[in-house]
PDB file of N, CA and C in Angstrom:
ATOM      1  N   MET A   1       0.799  -1.195   0.000  1.00  0.00           N
ATOM      2  CA  MET A   1       0.000   0.000   0.000  1.00  0.00           C
ATOM      3  C   MET A   1       0.844   1.263   0.000  1.00  0.00           C
ATOM      4  N   GLY A   2       2.037   1.216   0.527  1.00  0.00           N
ATOM      5  CA  GLY A   2       2.860   2.399   0.576  1.00  0.00           C
ATOM      6  C   GLY A   2       2.427   3.394   1.631  1.00  0.00           C
ATOM      7  N   LEU A   3       1.804   2.927   2.691  1.00  0.00           N
ATOM      8  CA  LEU A   3       1.336   3.798   3.763  1.00  0.00           C
ATOM      9  C   LEU A   3       2.308   3.781   4.933  1.00  0.00           C
ATOM     10  N   ASP A   4       2.251   4.838   5.743  1.00  0.00           N
ATOM     11  CA  ASP A   4       3.036   4.818   6.976  1.00  0.00           C
ATOM     12  C   ASP A   4       2.419   3.784   7.923  1.00  0.00           C
ATOM     13  N   VAL A   5       3.137   3.441   8.961  1.00  0.00           N
ATOM     14  CA  VAL A   5       2.740   2.365   9.867  1.00  0.00           C
ATOM     15  C   VAL A   5       1.354   2.609  10.465  1.00  0.00           C
ATOM     16  N   LYS A   6       1.094   3.824  10.946  1.00  0.00           N
ATOM     17  CA  LYS A   6      -0.199   4.135  11.574  1.00  0.00           C
ATOM     18  C   LYS A   6      -1.344   4.012  10.565  1.00  0.00           C
ATOM     19  N   SER A   7      -1.162   4.582   9.385  1.00  0.00           N
ATOM     20  CA  SER A   7      -2.218   4.524   8.364  1.00  0.00           C
ATOM     21  C   SER A   7      -2.476   3.097   7.906  1.00  0.00           C
ATOM     22  N   ARG A   8      -1.414   2.310   7.755  1.00  0.00           N
ATOM     23  CA  ARG A   8      -1.574   0.903   7.359  1.00  0.00           C
ATOM     24  C   ARG A   8      -2.389   0.146   8.396  1.00  0.00           C
ATOM     25  N   ALA A   9      -2.096   0.374   9.676  1.00  0.00           N
ATOM     26  CA  ALA A   9      -2.847  -0.290  10.751  1.00  0.00           C
ATOM     27  C   ALA A   9      -4.305   0.141  10.742  1.00  0.00           C
ATOM     28  N   GLU A  10      -4.565   1.415  10.472  1.00  0.00           N
ATOM     29  CA  GLU A  10      -5.948   1.909  10.431  1.00  0.00           C
ATOM     30  C   GLU A  10      -6.726   1.299   9.274  1.00  0.00           C
ATOM     31  N   VAL A  11      -6.108   1.208   8.108  1.00  0.00           N
ATOM     32  CA  VAL A  11      -6.781   0.608   6.945  1.00  0.00           C
ATOM     33  C   VAL A  11      -7.073  -0.868   7.214  1.00  0.00           C
ATOM     34  N   LEU A  12      -6.113  -1.575   7.778  1.00  0.00           N
ATOM     35  CA  LEU A  12      -6.314  -2.985   8.094  1.00  0.00           C
ATOM     36  C   LEU A  12      -7.428  -3.157   9.117  1.00  0.00           C
ATOM     37  N   ALA A  13      -7.437  -2.333  10.168  1.00  0.00           N
ATOM     38  CA  ALA A  13      -8.482  -2.419  11.199  1.00  0.00           C
ATOM     39  C   ALA A  13      -9.857  -2.118  10.605  1.00  0.00           C
ATOM     40  N   LEU A  14      -9.953  -1.103   9.759  1.00  0.00           N
ATOM     41  CA  LEU A  14     -11.226  -0.780   9.115  1.00  0.00           C
ATOM     42  C   LEU A  14     -11.698  -1.938   8.247  1.00  0.00           C
ATOM     43  N   THR A  15     -10.795  -2.512   7.481  1.00  0.00           N
ATOM     44  CA  THR A  15     -11.162  -3.641   6.616  1.00  0.00           C
ATOM     45  C   THR A  15     -11.666  -4.814   7.446  1.00  0.00           C
ATOM     46  N   ARG A  16     -10.974  -5.127   8.519  1.00  0.00           N
ATOM     47  CA  ARG A  16     -11.405  -6.238   9.384  1.00  0.00           C
ATOM     48  C   ARG A  16     -12.753  -5.947  10.038  1.00  0.00           C
ATOM     49  N   ARG A  17     -13.000  -4.682  10.423  1.00  0.00           N
ATOM     50  CA  ARG A  17     -14.308  -4.321  10.996  1.00  0.00           C
ATOM     51  C   ARG A  17     -15.425  -4.509   9.975  1.00  0.00           C
ATOM     52  N   LEU A  18     -15.199  -4.082   8.754  1.00  0.00           N
ATOM     53  CA  LEU A  18     -16.222  -4.227   7.705  1.00  0.00           C
ATOM     54  C   LEU A  18     -16.524  -5.704   7.441  1.00  0.00           C
ATOM     55  N   ILE A  19     -15.493  -6.519   7.438  1.00  0.00           N
ATOM     56  CA  ILE A  19     -15.685  -7.955   7.235  1.00  0.00           C
ATOM     57  C   ILE A  19     -16.518  -8.541   8.367  1.00  0.00           C
ATOM     58  N   ALA A  20     -16.152  -8.215   9.605  1.00  0.00           N
ATOM     59  CA  ALA A  20     -16.842  -8.776  10.771  1.00  0.00           C
ATOM     60  C   ALA A  20     -18.255  -8.226  10.918  1.00  0.00           C
ATOM     61  N   ARG A  21     -18.416  -6.932  10.750  1.00  0.00           N
ATOM     62  CA  ARG A  21     -19.703  -6.288  11.009  1.00  0.00           C
ATOM     63  C   ARG A  21     -20.689  -6.444   9.848  1.00  0.00           C
ATOM     64  N   ASP A  22     -20.208  -6.254   8.628  1.00  0.00           N
ATOM     65  CA  ASP A  22     -21.104  -6.215   7.476  1.00  0.00           C
ATOM     66  C   ASP A  22     -21.032  -7.454   6.601  1.00  0.00           C
ATOM     67  N   GLY A  23     -20.105  -8.355   6.921  1.00  0.00           N
ATOM     68  CA  GLY A  23     -19.995  -9.582   6.145  1.00  0.00           C
ATOM     69  C   GLY A  23     -19.441  -9.391   4.745  1.00  0.00           C
ATOM     70  N   VAL A  24     -18.738  -8.291   4.517  1.00  0.00           N
ATOM     71  CA  VAL A  24     -18.159  -8.077   3.195  1.00  0.00           C
ATOM     72  C   VAL A  24     -16.962  -9.007   3.000  1.00  0.00           C
ATOM     73  N   SER A  25     -16.614  -9.221   1.769  1.00  0.00           N
ATOM     74  CA  SER A  25     -15.424 -10.000   1.444  1.00  0.00           C
ATOM     75  C   SER A  25     -14.330  -9.041   1.007  1.00  0.00           C
ATOM     76  N   ALA A  26     -13.093  -9.439   1.243  1.00  0.00           N
ATOM     77  CA  ALA A  26     -11.963  -8.604   0.835  1.00  0.00           C
ATOM     78  C   ALA A  26     -10.858  -9.496   0.285  1.00  0.00           C
ATOM     79  N   LEU A  27     -10.276  -9.065  -0.794  1.00  0.00           N
ATOM     80  CA  LEU A  27      -9.086  -9.707  -1.328  1.00  0.00           C
ATOM     81  C   LEU A  27      -7.921  -8.824  -0.916  1.00  0.00           C
ATOM     82  N   TRP A  28      -7.054  -9.358  -0.081  1.00  0.00           N
ATOM     83  CA  TRP A  28      -5.948  -8.579   0.483  1.00  0.00           C
ATOM     84  C   TRP A  28      -4.647  -9.221   0.024  1.00  0.00           C
ATOM     85  N   ALA A  29      -3.937  -8.539  -0.851  1.00  0.00           N
ATOM     86  CA  ALA A  29      -2.664  -9.057  -1.350  1.00  0.00           C
ATOM     87  C   ALA A  29      -1.536  -8.390  -0.575  1.00  0.00           C
ATOM     88  N   THR A  30      -0.680  -9.192   0.054  1.00  0.00           N
ATOM     89  CA  THR A  30       0.369  -8.628   0.881  1.00  0.00           C
ATOM     90  C   THR A  30       1.580  -9.547   0.957  1.00  0.00           C
ATOM     91  N   HIS A  31       2.710  -8.944   1.256  1.00  0.00           N
ATOM     92  CA  HIS A  31       3.922  -9.686   1.598  1.00  0.00           C
ATOM     93  C   HIS A  31       4.239  -9.480   3.078  1.00  0.00           C
ATOM     94  N   ILE A  32       3.397  -8.740   3.774  1.00  0.00           N
ATOM     95  CA  ILE A  32       3.627  -8.412   5.177  1.00  0.00           C
ATOM     96  C   ILE A  32       2.893  -9.437   6.033  1.00  0.00           C
ATOM     97  N   MET A  33       3.642 -10.371   6.580  1.00  0.00           N
ATOM     98  CA  MET A  33       3.047 -11.504   7.279  1.00  0.00           C
ATOM     99  C   MET A  33       2.228 -11.107   8.506  1.00  0.00           C
ATOM    100  N   ASP A  34       2.578 -10.000   9.168  1.00  0.00           N
ATOM    101  CA  ASP A  34       1.823  -9.627  10.365  1.00  0.00           C
ATOM    102  C   ASP A  34       0.445  -9.066  10.051  1.00  0.00           C
ATOM    103  N   GLU A  35       0.135  -8.870   8.775  1.00  0.00           N
ATOM    104  CA  GLU A  35      -1.219  -8.461   8.393  1.00  0.00           C
ATOM    105  C   GLU A  35      -2.171  -9.657   8.306  1.00  0.00           C
ATOM    106  N   ILE A  36      -1.634 -10.847   8.387  1.00  0.00           N
ATOM    107  CA  ILE A  36      -2.430 -12.062   8.218  1.00  0.00           C
ATOM    108  C   ILE A  36      -2.790 -12.629   9.582  1.00  0.00           C
ATOM    109  N   ASP A  37      -4.101 -12.809   9.804  1.00  0.00           N
ATOM    110  CA  ASP A  37      -4.604 -13.391  11.047  1.00  0.00           C
ATOM    111  C   ASP A  37      -4.609 -14.914  10.898  1.00  0.00           C
ATOM    112  N   PRO A  38      -4.325 -15.659  11.968  1.00  0.00           N
ATOM    113  CA  PRO A  38      -4.330 -17.122  11.866  1.00  0.00           C
ATOM    114  C   PRO A  38      -5.640 -17.704  11.336  1.00  0.00           C
ATOM    115  N   ALA A  39      -6.762 -17.011  11.560  1.00  0.00           N
ATOM    116  CA  ALA A  39      -8.053 -17.518  11.097  1.00  0.00           C
ATOM    117  C   ALA A  39      -8.375 -17.131   9.647  1.00  0.00           C
ATOM    118  N   ASP A  40      -7.533 -16.295   9.031  1.00  0.00           N
ATOM    119  CA  ASP A  40      -7.781 -15.852   7.654  1.00  0.00           C
ATOM    120  C   ASP A  40      -7.673 -17.013   6.673  1.00  0.00           C
ATOM    121  N   ASP A  41      -8.513 -16.969   5.626  1.00  0.00           N
ATOM    122  CA  ASP A  41      -8.319 -17.855   4.483  1.00  0.00           C
ATOM    123  C   ASP A  41      -7.155 -17.273   3.693  1.00  0.00           C
ATOM    124  N   LEU A  42      -6.240 -18.123   3.287  1.00  0.00           N
ATOM    125  CA  LEU A  42      -4.997 -17.662   2.674  1.00  0.00           C
ATOM    126  C   LEU A  42      -4.701 -18.466   1.420  1.00  0.00           C
ATOM    127  N   VAL A  43      -4.227 -17.769   0.401  1.00  0.00           N
ATOM    128  CA  VAL A  43      -3.738 -18.412  -0.819  1.00  0.00           C
ATOM    129  C   VAL A  43      -2.309 -17.933  -1.021  1.00  0.00           C
ATOM    130  N   ILE A  44      -1.383 -18.861  -1.147  1.00  0.00           N
ATOM    131  CA  ILE A  44       0.002 -18.507  -1.433  1.00  0.00           C
ATOM    132  C   ILE A  44       0.237 -18.705  -2.918  1.00  0.00           C
ATOM    133  N   LEU A  45       0.564 -17.596  -3.586  1.00  0.00           N
ATOM    134  CA  LEU A  45       0.844 -17.588  -5.024  1.00  0.00           C
ATOM    135  C   LEU A  45       2.332 -17.371  -5.234  1.00  0.00           C
ATOM    136  N   HIS A  46       2.868 -18.037  -6.235  1.00  0.00           N
ATOM    137  CA  HIS A  46       4.273 -17.837  -6.582  1.00  0.00           C
ATOM    138  C   HIS A  46       4.460 -18.181  -8.046  1.00  0.00           C
ATOM    139  N   SER A  47       5.042 -17.268  -8.781  1.00  0.00           N
ATOM    140  CA  SER A  47       5.310 -17.461 -10.215  1.00  0.00           C
ATOM    141  C   SER A  47       4.046 -17.877 -10.965  1.00  0.00           C
ATOM    142  N   GLY A  48       2.929 -17.239 -10.618  1.00  0.00           N
ATOM    143  CA  GLY A  48       1.677 -17.495 -11.317  1.00  0.00           C
ATOM    144  C   GLY A  48       0.967 -18.784 -10.945  1.00  0.00           C
ATOM    145  N   ARG A  49       1.432 -19.466  -9.899  1.00  0.00           N
ATOM    146  CA  ARG A  49       0.813 -20.730  -9.485  1.00  0.00           C
ATOM    147  C   ARG A  49       0.332 -20.642  -8.047  1.00  0.00           C
ATOM    148  N   VAL A  50      -0.781 -21.317  -7.766  1.00  0.00           N
ATOM    149  CA  VAL A  50      -1.248 -21.464  -6.397  1.00  0.00           C
ATOM    150  C   VAL A  50      -0.451 -22.601  -5.771  1.00  0.00           C
ATOM    151  N   LEU A  51       0.328 -22.276  -4.742  1.00  0.00           N
ATOM    152  CA  LEU A  51       1.131 -23.298  -4.075  1.00  0.00           C
ATOM    153  C   LEU A  51       0.395 -23.918  -2.896  1.00  0.00           C
ATOM    154  N   ARG A  52      -0.465 -23.128  -2.268  1.00  0.00           N
ATOM    155  CA  ARG A  52      -1.192 -23.634  -1.094  1.00  0.00           C
ATOM    156  C   ARG A  52      -2.362 -22.725  -0.820  1.00  0.00           C
ATOM    157  N   ASP A  53      -3.479 -23.294  -0.383  1.00  0.00           N
ATOM    158  CA  ASP A  53      -4.594 -22.475   0.078  1.00  0.00           C
ATOM    159  C   ASP A  53      -5.272 -23.175   1.243  1.00  0.00           C
ATOM    160  N   GLY A  54      -5.795 -22.370   2.145  1.00  0.00           N
ATOM    161  CA  GLY A  54      -6.442 -22.880   3.338  1.00  0.00           C
ATOM    162  C   GLY A  54      -6.387 -21.849   4.445  1.00  0.00           C
ATOM    163  N   ARG A  55      -6.664 -22.279   5.655  1.00  0.00           N
ATOM    164  CA  ARG A  55      -6.623 -21.391   6.813  1.00  0.00           C
ATOM    165  C   ARG A  55      -5.156 -21.064   7.118  1.00  0.00           C
ATOM    166  N   ALA A  56      -4.874 -19.802   7.394  1.00  0.00           N
ATOM    167  CA  ALA A  56      -3.490 -19.359   7.601  1.00  0.00           C
ATOM    168  C   ALA A  56      -2.789 -20.177   8.681  1.00  0.00           C
ATOM    169  N   ALA A  57      -3.474 -20.456   9.781  1.00  0.00           N
ATOM    170  CA  ALA A  57      -2.857 -21.228  10.868  1.00  0.00           C
ATOM    171  C   ALA A  57      -2.455 -22.620  10.404  1.00  0.00           C
ATOM    172  N   ASP A  58      -3.257 -23.226   9.545  1.00  0.00           N
ATOM    173  CA  ASP A  58      -2.938 -24.563   9.044  1.00  0.00           C
ATOM    174  C   ASP A  58      -1.738 -24.529   8.097  1.00  0.00           C
ATOM    175  N   ILE A  59      -1.676 -23.507   7.277  1.00  0.00           N
ATOM    176  CA  ILE A  59      -0.550 -23.373   6.352  1.00  0.00           C
ATOM    177  C   ILE A  59       0.731 -23.065   7.125  1.00  0.00           C
ATOM    178  N   ALA A  60       0.620 -22.218   8.133  1.00  0.00           N
ATOM    179  CA  ALA A  60       1.791 -21.799   8.908  1.00  0.00           C
ATOM    180  C   ALA A  60       2.443 -22.962   9.632  1.00  0.00           C
ATOM    181  N   GLY A  61       1.629 -23.864  10.169  1.00  0.00           N
ATOM    182  CA  GLY A  61       2.177 -24.980  10.930  1.00  0.00           C
ATOM    183  C   GLY A  61       2.973 -24.472  12.123  1.00  0.00           C
ATOM    184  N   PRO A  62       3.847 -25.314  12.633  1.00  0.00           N
ATOM    185  CA  PRO A  62       4.557 -24.947  13.869  1.00  0.00           C
ATOM    186  C   PRO A  62       5.656 -23.899  13.673  1.00  0.00           C
ATOM    187  N   HIS A  63       6.071 -23.642  12.443  1.00  0.00           N
ATOM    188  CA  HIS A  63       7.210 -22.749  12.211  1.00  0.00           C
ATOM    189  C   HIS A  63       6.819 -21.373  11.678  1.00  0.00           C
ATOM    190  N   GLY A  64       5.529 -21.125  11.458  1.00  0.00           N
ATOM    191  CA  GLY A  64       5.075 -19.800  11.039  1.00  0.00           C
ATOM    192  C   GLY A  64       4.948 -19.627   9.542  1.00  0.00           C
ATOM    193  N   LEU A  65       4.276 -18.539   9.178  1.00  0.00           N
ATOM    194  CA  LEU A  65       3.988 -18.276   7.768  1.00  0.00           C
ATOM    195  C   LEU A  65       5.235 -17.954   6.949  1.00  0.00           C
ATOM    196  N   THR A  66       6.142 -17.208   7.529  1.00  0.00           N
ATOM    197  CA  THR A  66       7.350 -16.870   6.770  1.00  0.00           C
ATOM    198  C   THR A  66       8.100 -18.133   6.368  1.00  0.00           C
ATOM    199  N   ARG A  67       8.291 -19.036   7.317  1.00  0.00           N
ATOM    200  CA  ARG A  67       8.978 -20.294   7.019  1.00  0.00           C
ATOM    201  C   ARG A  67       8.183 -21.119   6.008  1.00  0.00           C
ATOM    202  N   ALA A  68       6.860 -21.182   6.158  1.00  0.00           N
ATOM    203  CA  ALA A  68       6.030 -21.929   5.211  1.00  0.00           C
ATOM    204  C   ALA A  68       6.168 -21.356   3.806  1.00  0.00           C
ATOM    205  N   PHE A  69       6.143 -20.027   3.679  1.00  0.00           N
ATOM    206  CA  PHE A  69       6.288 -19.385   2.388  1.00  0.00           C
ATOM    207  C   PHE A  69       7.644 -19.721   1.772  1.00  0.00           C
ATOM    208  N   LEU A  70       8.691 -19.589   2.569  1.00  0.00           N
ATOM    209  CA  LEU A  70      10.033 -19.883   2.052  1.00  0.00           C
ATOM    210  C   LEU A  70      10.157 -21.345   1.633  1.00  0.00           C
ATOM    211  N   ASP A  71       9.608 -22.247   2.408  1.00  0.00           N
ATOM    212  CA  ASP A  71       9.660 -23.677   2.071  1.00  0.00           C
ATOM    213  C   ASP A  71       8.876 -23.970   0.790  1.00  0.00           C
ATOM    214  N   LEU A  72       7.696 -23.373   0.660  1.00  0.00           N
ATOM    215  CA  LEU A  72       6.853 -23.627  -0.502  1.00  0.00           C
ATOM    216  C   LEU A  72       7.456 -23.061  -1.785  1.00  0.00           C
ATOM    217  N   THR A  73       8.076 -21.899  -1.694  1.00  0.00           N
ATOM    218  CA  THR A  73       8.579 -21.233  -2.884  1.00  0.00           C
ATOM    219  C   THR A  73      10.018 -21.597  -3.214  1.00  0.00           C
ATOM    220  N   GLY A  74      10.717 -22.193  -2.252  1.00  0.00           N
ATOM    221  CA  GLY A  74      12.119 -22.516  -2.467  1.00  0.00           C
ATOM    222  C   GLY A  74      13.029 -21.300  -2.401  1.00  0.00           C
ATOM    223  N   VAL A  75      12.496 -20.201  -1.892  1.00  0.00           N
ATOM    224  CA  VAL A  75      13.274 -18.978  -1.756  1.00  0.00           C
ATOM    225  C   VAL A  75      14.134 -19.096  -0.508  1.00  0.00           C
ATOM    226  N   ALA A  76      15.410 -18.799  -0.627  1.00  0.00           N
ATOM    227  CA  ALA A  76      16.314 -18.870   0.525  1.00  0.00           C
ATOM    228  C   ALA A  76      16.035 -17.732   1.479  1.00  0.00           C
ATOM    229  N   PRO A  77      16.139 -17.986   2.793  1.00  0.00           N
ATOM    230  CA  PRO A  77      15.904 -16.910   3.772  1.00  0.00           C
ATOM    231  C   PRO A  77      16.956 -15.828   3.718  1.00  0.00           C
TER     232      PRO A  77
END
């Protein structure tokens, strides 16, 4: 998004409120892992392919989303 930290947090909080309160759907594309809630539905895309989809907590496993992403994509840490 290119926002400062405070504005990014406000946009994320507003989006989550709209989802919870009004039942809207949102497609949120990010590389910032802390924007992803463990209960979020998540799709990991890489090089135009879906590598994994499901609940973020299930994809993260015991080592977290960053490690899962690196393992799935073969990108070195």
